[in-house]
Amino acid sequence: MRLLIAFLILALPAAAQLKPANAAGVSMGHLHFHSEDLPAHVRFWAEIIGATPAKVGPLDVYKLPGVLIAMTKAKPTGEMDTSTVPLIAFRVRDLAGILAKATAAETQIVDRTGTKATLIGPDHIRVQLTADKSLADPVVNDRIQIATPKSAEAAKWYADVFGAEAAALPGVRLEFTDAPAAAGTKTRVLDHIGFEVKNLQAFTRNLQARGIKVDLPYLKLPDLGIAIGFVTDPWGTYIELTEGLDKI
């Protein structure tokens, strides 16, 4: 049932605003959260961050340039800061304005400087904001922090598997940091990150041929106009692969 909800929540009625793929056919797709308090997440993403809501039947998603935010009602098994993805980050045109909204909503603000601040959102999600007054949009996706005992090895793996040149994919930068072994993301508040992939069936077959474990092989969902798959990186970050979100 949880997987079905994940499938359905990604069928959007409007343009997904995802970036064009890199040479490997990959770009940033979505971030998917688990929480028992979905209204708190809605308030955080829509009212404070300024994400645009979209509706799929009874399910809600939230759009920002370069990424989709999805959420499922489920009890998370842990927080972000003890997982392999302890932080996500956005660039914002009006940092002061967002921080004022956060203060009014009694959202905790930490690590605040003149140009940066980190919000501790619902279920202790950690969202860093960096001021960038040159932005055409109020908020854009920026960065995912991936913490492993071997950051250089992790960077090489993402470059090899997804074509992440200079630790970046279209729509996101990947920041690899050295840290003690952490819990994988699956079932935690940030359950998984998602990449959009062109020719997903061939992509997942190639991963399997190379000996890379694919948790869920290519699965086409014609009623939704998308296809999906799941992989887990060697350190425990759960990754959904989608094809078709860029056309929705």
C-alpha atoms as a PDB file:
ATOM      1  CA  MET A   1       0.000   0.000   0.000  1.00  0.00           C
ATOM      2  CA  ARG A   2       2.838   2.413   0.854  1.00  0.00           C
ATOM      3  CA  LEU A   3       4.420   1.813  -2.544  1.00  0.00           C
ATOM      4  CA  LEU A   4       1.084   2.310  -4.309  1.00  0.00           C
ATOM      5  CA  ILE A   5       0.662   5.640  -2.550  1.00  0.00           C
ATOM      6  CA  ALA A   6       4.173   6.622  -3.645  1.00  0.00           C
ATOM      7  CA  PHE A   7       3.219   5.822  -7.256  1.00  0.00           C
ATOM      8  CA  LEU A   8      -0.039   7.736  -7.171  1.00  0.00           C
ATOM      9  CA  ILE A   9       1.315  10.813  -5.472  1.00  0.00           C
ATOM     10  CA  LEU A  10       3.673  11.423  -8.365  1.00  0.00           C
ATOM     11  CA  ALA A  11       0.961  11.748 -11.029  1.00  0.00           C
ATOM     12  CA  LEU A  12       0.685  15.517 -11.364  1.00  0.00           C
ATOM     13  CA  PRO A  13      -1.856  17.460 -13.374  1.00  0.00           C
ATOM     14  CA  ALA A  14       0.530  20.275 -14.310  1.00  0.00           C
ATOM     15  CA  ALA A  15       4.113  20.714 -15.541  1.00  0.00           C
ATOM     16  CA  ALA A  16       6.628  19.302 -13.093  1.00  0.00           C
ATOM     17  CA  GLN A  17       9.240  22.010 -13.714  1.00  0.00           C
ATOM     18  CA  LEU A  18      12.075  19.479 -13.709  1.00  0.00           C
ATOM     19  CA  LYS A  19      15.383  20.307 -15.387  1.00  0.00           C
ATOM     20  CA  PRO A  20      16.505  18.703 -18.677  1.00  0.00           C
ATOM     21  CA  ALA A  21      18.506  15.507 -18.194  1.00  0.00           C
ATOM     22  CA  ASN A  22      22.293  15.241 -18.274  1.00  0.00           C
ATOM     23  CA  ALA A  23      24.247  13.097 -20.755  1.00  0.00           C
ATOM     24  CA  ALA A  24      23.402   9.981 -18.723  1.00  0.00           C
ATOM     25  CA  GLY A  25      19.697  10.798 -18.993  1.00  0.00           C
ATOM     26  CA  VAL A  26      19.292  11.782 -15.323  1.00  0.00           C
ATOM     27  CA  SER A  27      18.011  14.876 -13.527  1.00  0.00           C
ATOM     28  CA  MET A  28      16.643  15.713 -10.094  1.00  0.00           C
ATOM     29  CA  GLY A  29      13.072  14.505  -9.549  1.00  0.00           C
ATOM     30  CA  HIS A  30      11.510  14.619  -6.096  1.00  0.00           C
ATOM     31  CA  LEU A  31      11.859  14.343  -2.322  1.00  0.00           C
ATOM     32  CA  HIS A  32       9.410  12.067  -0.514  1.00  0.00           C
ATOM     33  CA  PHE A  33       8.601  12.455   3.189  1.00  0.00           C
ATOM     34  CA  HIS A  34       6.811  10.200   5.676  1.00  0.00           C
ATOM     35  CA  SER A  35       4.889  11.807   8.524  1.00  0.00           C
ATOM     36  CA  GLU A  36       1.891  11.249  10.776  1.00  0.00           C
ATOM     37  CA  ASP A  37       1.292  15.012  10.746  1.00  0.00           C
ATOM     38  CA  LEU A  38       0.813  15.888   7.085  1.00  0.00           C
ATOM     39  CA  PRO A  39      -0.901  19.240   7.835  1.00  0.00           C
ATOM     40  CA  ALA A  40       2.287  20.415   9.553  1.00  0.00           C
ATOM     41  CA  HIS A  41       4.327  19.527   6.459  1.00  0.00           C
ATOM     42  CA  VAL A  42       1.785  21.257   4.229  1.00  0.00           C
ATOM     43  CA  ARG A  43       2.057  24.440   6.285  1.00  0.00           C
ATOM     44  CA  PHE A  44       5.844  24.258   6.208  1.00  0.00           C
ATOM     45  CA  TRP A  45       6.238  23.706   2.467  1.00  0.00           C
ATOM     46  CA  ALA A  46       3.346  25.827   1.209  1.00  0.00           C
ATOM     47  CA  GLU A  47       3.142  28.690   3.694  1.00  0.00           C
ATOM     48  CA  ILE A  48       6.777  29.108   4.741  1.00  0.00           C
ATOM     49  CA  ILE A  49       8.833  27.835   1.803  1.00  0.00           C
ATOM     50  CA  GLY A  50       6.283  28.865  -0.827  1.00  0.00           C
ATOM     51  CA  ALA A  51       5.879  25.613  -2.768  1.00  0.00           C
ATOM     52  CA  THR A  52       2.928  25.439  -5.155  1.00  0.00           C
ATOM     53  CA  PRO A  53       0.315  22.778  -4.334  1.00  0.00           C
ATOM     54  CA  ALA A  54      -1.090  20.350  -6.880  1.00  0.00           C
ATOM     55  CA  LYS A  55      -3.814  17.767  -6.394  1.00  0.00           C
ATOM     56  CA  VAL A  56      -4.068  14.107  -7.436  1.00  0.00           C
ATOM     57  CA  GLY A  57      -7.375  12.797  -6.128  1.00  0.00           C
ATOM     58  CA  PRO A  58      -7.047  12.988  -2.338  1.00  0.00           C
ATOM     59  CA  LEU A  59      -3.255  13.286  -2.503  1.00  0.00           C
ATOM     60  CA  ASP A  60      -1.182  16.462  -2.429  1.00  0.00           C
ATOM     61  CA  VAL A  61       2.208  17.320  -3.888  1.00  0.00           C
ATOM     62  CA  TYR A  62       4.158  20.583  -3.790  1.00  0.00           C
ATOM     63  CA  LYS A  63       6.248  22.028  -6.586  1.00  0.00           C
ATOM     64  CA  LEU A  64       9.382  24.142  -6.588  1.00  0.00           C
ATOM     65  CA  PRO A  65      11.612  24.828  -9.585  1.00  0.00           C
ATOM     66  CA  GLY A  66      13.828  21.781 -10.034  1.00  0.00           C
ATOM     67  CA  VAL A  67      12.057  19.452  -7.584  1.00  0.00           C
ATOM     68  CA  LEU A  68       8.734  18.027  -6.426  1.00  0.00           C
ATOM     69  CA  ILE A  69       7.875  17.523  -2.755  1.00  0.00           C
ATOM     70  CA  ALA A  70       5.727  14.473  -1.998  1.00  0.00           C
ATOM     71  CA  MET A  71       4.515  13.107   1.319  1.00  0.00           C
ATOM     72  CA  THR A  72       2.791  10.005   2.657  1.00  0.00           C
ATOM     73  CA  LYS A  73       0.966   9.596   5.949  1.00  0.00           C
ATOM     74  CA  ALA A  74       3.122   7.054   7.780  1.00  0.00           C
ATOM     75  CA  LYS A  75       4.999   6.952  11.068  1.00  0.00           C
ATOM     76  CA  PRO A  76       8.671   7.656  10.353  1.00  0.00           C
ATOM     77  CA  THR A  77      11.219   5.427  12.058  1.00  0.00           C
ATOM     78  CA  GLY A  78      13.739   8.220  12.559  1.00  0.00           C
ATOM     79  CA  GLU A  79      14.828  11.762  11.822  1.00  0.00           C
ATOM     80  CA  MET A  80      16.944  13.166   9.016  1.00  0.00           C
ATOM     81  CA  ASP A  81      20.011  14.166  11.015  1.00  0.00           C
ATOM     82  CA  THR A  82      20.880  10.545  11.882  1.00  0.00           C
ATOM     83  CA  SER A  83      20.389   9.291   8.328  1.00  0.00           C
ATOM     84  CA  THR A  84      22.550   9.329   5.223  1.00  0.00           C
ATOM     85  CA  VAL A  85      20.654  12.456   4.052  1.00  0.00           C
ATOM     86  CA  PRO A  86      20.830  14.795   7.056  1.00  0.00           C
ATOM     87  CA  LEU A  87      20.119  18.045   5.175  1.00  0.00           C
ATOM     88  CA  ILE A  88      18.446  19.411   2.058  1.00  0.00           C
ATOM     89  CA  ALA A  89      18.975  22.951   0.809  1.00  0.00           C
ATOM     90  CA  PHE A  90      17.311  25.638  -1.301  1.00  0.00           C
ATOM     91  CA  ARG A  91      18.333  29.031  -2.626  1.00  0.00           C
ATOM     92  CA  VAL A  92      15.860  31.824  -1.907  1.00  0.00           C
ATOM     93  CA  ARG A  93      15.436  35.345  -3.214  1.00  0.00           C
ATOM     94  CA  ASP A  94      14.035  36.806   0.018  1.00  0.00           C
ATOM     95  CA  LEU A  95      15.655  35.067   2.964  1.00  0.00           C
ATOM     96  CA  ALA A  96      14.449  37.650   5.484  1.00  0.00           C
ATOM     97  CA  GLY A  97      10.860  37.235   4.323  1.00  0.00           C
ATOM     98  CA  ILE A  98      10.929  33.444   4.676  1.00  0.00           C
ATOM     99  CA  LEU A  99      12.574  33.658   8.082  1.00  0.00           C
ATOM    100  CA  ALA A 100       9.876  36.095   9.186  1.00  0.00           C
ATOM    101  CA  LYS A 101       7.230  33.548   8.170  1.00  0.00           C
ATOM    102  CA  ALA A 102       9.134  30.823   9.987  1.00  0.00           C
ATOM    103  CA  THR A 103       9.323  32.926  13.143  1.00  0.00           C
ATOM    104  CA  ALA A 104       5.603  33.682  12.988  1.00  0.00           C
ATOM    105  CA  ALA A 105       4.894  29.959  12.639  1.00  0.00           C
ATOM    106  CA  GLU A 106       7.213  29.194  15.587  1.00  0.00           C
ATOM    107  CA  THR A 107       9.518  27.154  13.358  1.00  0.00           C
ATOM    108  CA  GLN A 108      12.980  26.768  14.849  1.00  0.00           C
ATOM    109  CA  ILE A 109      15.799  28.613  13.065  1.00  0.00           C
ATOM    110  CA  VAL A 110      19.404  27.499  13.649  1.00  0.00           C
ATOM    111  CA  ASP A 111      22.850  28.221  12.191  1.00  0.00           C
ATOM    112  CA  ARG A 112      21.719  31.673  11.124  1.00  0.00           C
ATOM    113  CA  THR A 113      24.178  34.017   9.412  1.00  0.00           C
ATOM    114  CA  GLY A 114      23.742  36.997   7.139  1.00  0.00           C
ATOM    115  CA  THR A 115      23.122  34.883   4.044  1.00  0.00           C
ATOM    116  CA  LYS A 116      22.167  31.443   5.376  1.00  0.00           C
ATOM    117  CA  ALA A 117      19.875  29.804   7.894  1.00  0.00           C
ATOM    118  CA  THR A 118      18.623  26.299   8.641  1.00  0.00           C
ATOM    119  CA  LEU A 119      14.990  25.614   9.494  1.00  0.00           C
ATOM    120  CA  ILE A 120      14.010  22.673  11.688  1.00  0.00           C
ATOM    121  CA  GLY A 121      10.667  21.726  10.214  1.00  0.00           C
ATOM    122  CA  PRO A 122       8.045  19.088  11.077  1.00  0.00           C
ATOM    123  CA  ASP A 123       9.486  15.781  12.303  1.00  0.00           C
ATOM    124  CA  HIS A 124      12.816  17.620  12.689  1.00  0.00           C
ATOM    125  CA  ILE A 125      13.504  17.847   8.958  1.00  0.00           C
ATOM    126  CA  ARG A 126      16.521  20.046   8.291  1.00  0.00           C
ATOM    127  CA  VAL A 127      16.185  22.565   5.460  1.00  0.00           C
ATOM    128  CA  GLN A 128      18.983  25.037   4.769  1.00  0.00           C
ATOM    129  CA  LEU A 129      18.221  28.292   2.953  1.00  0.00           C
ATOM    130  CA  THR A 130      20.815  30.442   1.163  1.00  0.00           C
ATOM    131  CA  ALA A 131      20.049  33.977   0.045  1.00  0.00           C
ATOM    132  CA  ASP A 132      20.414  34.679  -3.679  1.00  0.00           C
ATOM    133  CA  LYS A 133      18.825  37.944  -4.773  1.00  0.00           C
ATOM    134  CA  SER A 134      19.635  37.223  -8.425  1.00  0.00           C
ATOM    135  CA  LEU A 135      17.059  34.422  -8.651  1.00  0.00           C
ATOM    136  CA  ALA A 136      14.208  34.753 -11.129  1.00  0.00           C
ATOM    137  CA  ASP A 137      12.052  32.501  -8.919  1.00  0.00           C
ATOM    138  CA  PRO A 138      11.448  33.036  -5.196  1.00  0.00           C
ATOM    139  CA  VAL A 139      12.834  29.593  -4.274  1.00  0.00           C
ATOM    140  CA  VAL A 140      14.805  26.991  -6.250  1.00  0.00           C
ATOM    141  CA  ASN A 141      16.135  23.575  -5.384  1.00  0.00           C
ATOM    142  CA  ASP A 142      19.824  23.650  -4.536  1.00  0.00           C
ATOM    143  CA  ARG A 143      21.490  20.790  -2.690  1.00  0.00           C
ATOM    144  CA  ILE A 144      21.191  17.377  -1.018  1.00  0.00           C
ATOM    145  CA  GLN A 145      23.740  16.464   1.616  1.00  0.00           C
ATOM    146  CA  ILE A 146      24.786  12.805   1.597  1.00  0.00           C
ATOM    147  CA  ALA A 147      26.784  11.685   4.647  1.00  0.00           C
ATOM    148  CA  THR A 148      28.875   8.508   4.484  1.00  0.00           C
ATOM    149  CA  PRO A 149      32.091   7.184   6.026  1.00  0.00           C
ATOM    150  CA  LYS A 150      33.712   7.482   2.565  1.00  0.00           C
ATOM    151  CA  SER A 151      32.549  10.653   0.836  1.00  0.00           C
ATOM    152  CA  ALA A 152      35.003  10.411  -2.065  1.00  0.00           C
ATOM    153  CA  GLU A 153      33.853   6.872  -2.802  1.00  0.00           C
ATOM    154  CA  ALA A 154      30.229   7.983  -2.636  1.00  0.00           C
ATOM    155  CA  ALA A 155      30.864  10.850  -5.055  1.00  0.00           C
ATOM    156  CA  LYS A 156      32.497   8.405  -7.469  1.00  0.00           C
ATOM    157  CA  TRP A 157      29.519   6.018  -7.198  1.00  0.00           C
ATOM    158  CA  TYR A 158      26.975   8.739  -8.027  1.00  0.00           C
ATOM    159  CA  ALA A 159      29.134   9.946 -10.911  1.00  0.00           C
ATOM    160  CA  ASP A 160      29.453   6.403 -12.257  1.00  0.00           C
ATOM    161  CA  VAL A 161      25.792   5.416 -11.835  1.00  0.00           C
ATOM    162  CA  PHE A 162      23.973   8.706 -12.528  1.00  0.00           C
ATOM    163  CA  GLY A 163      26.521  10.808 -14.378  1.00  0.00           C
ATOM    164  CA  ALA A 164      26.785  13.311 -11.529  1.00  0.00           C
ATOM    165  CA  GLU A 165      29.662  15.380 -12.895  1.00  0.00           C
ATOM    166  CA  ALA A 166      31.390  17.540 -10.295  1.00  0.00           C
ATOM    167  CA  ALA A 167      28.883  16.147  -7.756  1.00  0.00           C
ATOM    168  CA  ALA A 168      25.914  17.689  -9.554  1.00  0.00           C
ATOM    169  CA  LEU A 169      22.850  16.650 -11.518  1.00  0.00           C
ATOM    170  CA  PRO A 170      20.513  19.018 -13.383  1.00  0.00           C
ATOM    171  CA  GLY A 171      18.366  20.567 -10.675  1.00  0.00           C
ATOM    172  CA  VAL A 172      20.528  19.674  -7.681  1.00  0.00           C
ATOM    173  CA  ARG A 173      24.034  19.634  -6.259  1.00  0.00           C
ATOM    174  CA  LEU A 174      25.103  16.603  -4.245  1.00  0.00           C
ATOM    175  CA  GLU A 175      27.248  17.446  -1.238  1.00  0.00           C
ATOM    176  CA  PHE A 176      29.173  14.416   0.017  1.00  0.00           C
ATOM    177  CA  THR A 177      30.434  14.709   3.580  1.00  0.00           C
ATOM    178  CA  ASP A 178      32.432  12.337   5.765  1.00  0.00           C
ATOM    179  CA  ALA A 179      30.474  11.037   8.744  1.00  0.00           C
ATOM    180  CA  PRO A 180      30.211   7.857  10.796  1.00  0.00           C
ATOM    181  CA  ALA A 181      27.980   5.167   9.322  1.00  0.00           C
ATOM    182  CA  ALA A 182      24.381   6.386   9.467  1.00  0.00           C
ATOM    183  CA  ALA A 183      20.970   4.786   9.062  1.00  0.00           C
ATOM    184  CA  GLY A 184      19.559   4.423   5.579  1.00  0.00           C
ATOM    185  CA  THR A 185      16.721   6.729   4.616  1.00  0.00           C
ATOM    186  CA  LYS A 186      14.001   4.142   3.893  1.00  0.00           C
ATOM    187  CA  THR A 187      11.061   4.496   6.343  1.00  0.00           C
ATOM    188  CA  ARG A 188      12.587   7.584   7.963  1.00  0.00           C
ATOM    189  CA  VAL A 189      11.031  11.044   7.713  1.00  0.00           C
ATOM    190  CA  LEU A 190      12.829  11.621   4.398  1.00  0.00           C
ATOM    191  CA  ASP A 191      12.089   8.179   3.004  1.00  0.00           C
ATOM    192  CA  HIS A 192      13.762   8.637  -0.353  1.00  0.00           C
ATOM    193  CA  ILE A 193      15.149  11.024  -2.906  1.00  0.00           C
ATOM    194  CA  GLY A 194      14.069  10.713  -6.535  1.00  0.00           C
ATOM    195  CA  PHE A 195      15.794  11.104  -9.893  1.00  0.00           C
ATOM    196  CA  GLU A 196      14.037  11.441 -13.247  1.00  0.00           C
ATOM    197  CA  VAL A 197      15.594   9.086 -15.837  1.00  0.00           C
ATOM    198  CA  LYS A 198      15.174   8.867 -19.596  1.00  0.00           C
ATOM    199  CA  ASN A 199      14.936   5.343 -21.051  1.00  0.00           C
ATOM    200  CA  LEU A 200      14.428   3.986 -17.558  1.00  0.00           C
ATOM    201  CA  GLN A 201      13.939   0.366 -18.594  1.00  0.00           C
ATOM    202  CA  ALA A 202      17.298   0.249 -20.376  1.00  0.00           C
ATOM    203  CA  PHE A 203      18.860   2.196 -17.505  1.00  0.00           C
ATOM    204  CA  THR A 204      17.750  -0.292 -14.827  1.00  0.00           C
ATOM    205  CA  ARG A 205      18.693  -3.283 -16.994  1.00  0.00           C
ATOM    206  CA  ASN A 206      22.157  -1.798 -17.380  1.00  0.00           C
ATOM    207  CA  LEU A 207      22.446  -1.377 -13.602  1.00  0.00           C
ATOM    208  CA  GLN A 208      21.532  -5.028 -13.074  1.00  0.00           C
ATOM    209  CA  ALA A 209      23.993  -6.147 -15.763  1.00  0.00           C
ATOM    210  CA  ARG A 210      26.706  -4.269 -13.899  1.00  0.00           C
ATOM    211  CA  GLY A 211      25.861  -6.056 -10.657  1.00  0.00           C
ATOM    212  CA  ILE A 212      24.165  -3.064  -9.034  1.00  0.00           C
ATOM    213  CA  LYS A 213      21.203  -4.175  -6.939  1.00  0.00           C
ATOM    214  CA  VAL A 214      17.874  -2.813  -8.160  1.00  0.00           C
ATOM    215  CA  ASP A 215      15.254  -2.969  -5.403  1.00  0.00           C
ATOM    216  CA  LEU A 216      12.342  -2.557  -7.786  1.00  0.00           C
ATOM    217  CA  PRO A 217      12.999  -3.139 -11.507  1.00  0.00           C
ATOM    218  CA  TYR A 218      11.322  -1.102 -14.186  1.00  0.00           C
ATOM    219  CA  LEU A 219       7.574  -0.916 -13.683  1.00  0.00           C
ATOM    220  CA  LYS A 220       5.362   0.897 -16.180  1.00  0.00           C
ATOM    221  CA  LEU A 221       2.195   2.567 -14.912  1.00  0.00           C
ATOM    222  CA  PRO A 222       0.267   3.380 -18.105  1.00  0.00           C
ATOM    223  CA  ASP A 223      -2.709   4.878 -16.279  1.00  0.00           C
ATOM    224  CA  LEU A 224      -0.393   7.459 -14.750  1.00  0.00           C
ATOM    225  CA  GLY A 225       1.823   7.923 -17.789  1.00  0.00           C
ATOM    226  CA  ILE A 226       5.012   7.203 -15.845  1.00  0.00           C
ATOM    227  CA  ALA A 227       7.399   4.359 -15.062  1.00  0.00           C
ATOM    228  CA  ILE A 228       9.353   3.797 -11.860  1.00  0.00           C
ATOM    229  CA  GLY A 229      12.125   1.798 -10.229  1.00  0.00           C
ATOM    230  CA  PHE A 230      14.004   1.847  -6.918  1.00  0.00           C
ATOM    231  CA  VAL A 231      17.667   1.444  -6.005  1.00  0.00           C
ATOM    232  CA  THR A 232      19.606   1.933  -2.766  1.00  0.00           C
ATOM    233  CA  ASP A 233      23.097   3.385  -2.767  1.00  0.00           C
ATOM    234  CA  PRO A 234      25.824   1.362  -0.981  1.00  0.00           C
ATOM    235  CA  TRP A 235      25.429   3.485   2.174  1.00  0.00           C
ATOM    236  CA  GLY A 236      21.653   3.237   2.535  1.00  0.00           C
ATOM    237  CA  THR A 237      20.130   6.178   0.656  1.00  0.00           C
ATOM    238  CA  TYR A 238      16.884   4.972  -0.929  1.00  0.00           C
ATOM    239  CA  ILE A 239      16.400   6.365  -4.455  1.00  0.00           C
ATOM    240  CA  GLU A 240      13.304   6.265  -6.628  1.00  0.00           C
ATOM    241  CA  LEU A 241      13.859   6.432 -10.379  1.00  0.00           C
ATOM    242  CA  THR A 242      11.001   7.839 -12.454  1.00  0.00           C
ATOM    243  CA  GLU A 243      10.353   8.340 -16.138  1.00  0.00           C
ATOM    244  CA  GLY A 244       7.644  10.674 -17.348  1.00  0.00           C
ATOM    245  CA  LEU A 245       7.438  13.320 -14.626  1.00  0.00           C
ATOM    246  CA  ASP A 246       9.091  15.794 -16.968  1.00  0.00           C
ATOM    247  CA  LYS A 247       6.145  15.441 -19.372  1.00  0.00           C
ATOM    248  CA  ILE A 248       3.372  15.827 -16.820  1.00  0.00           C
END
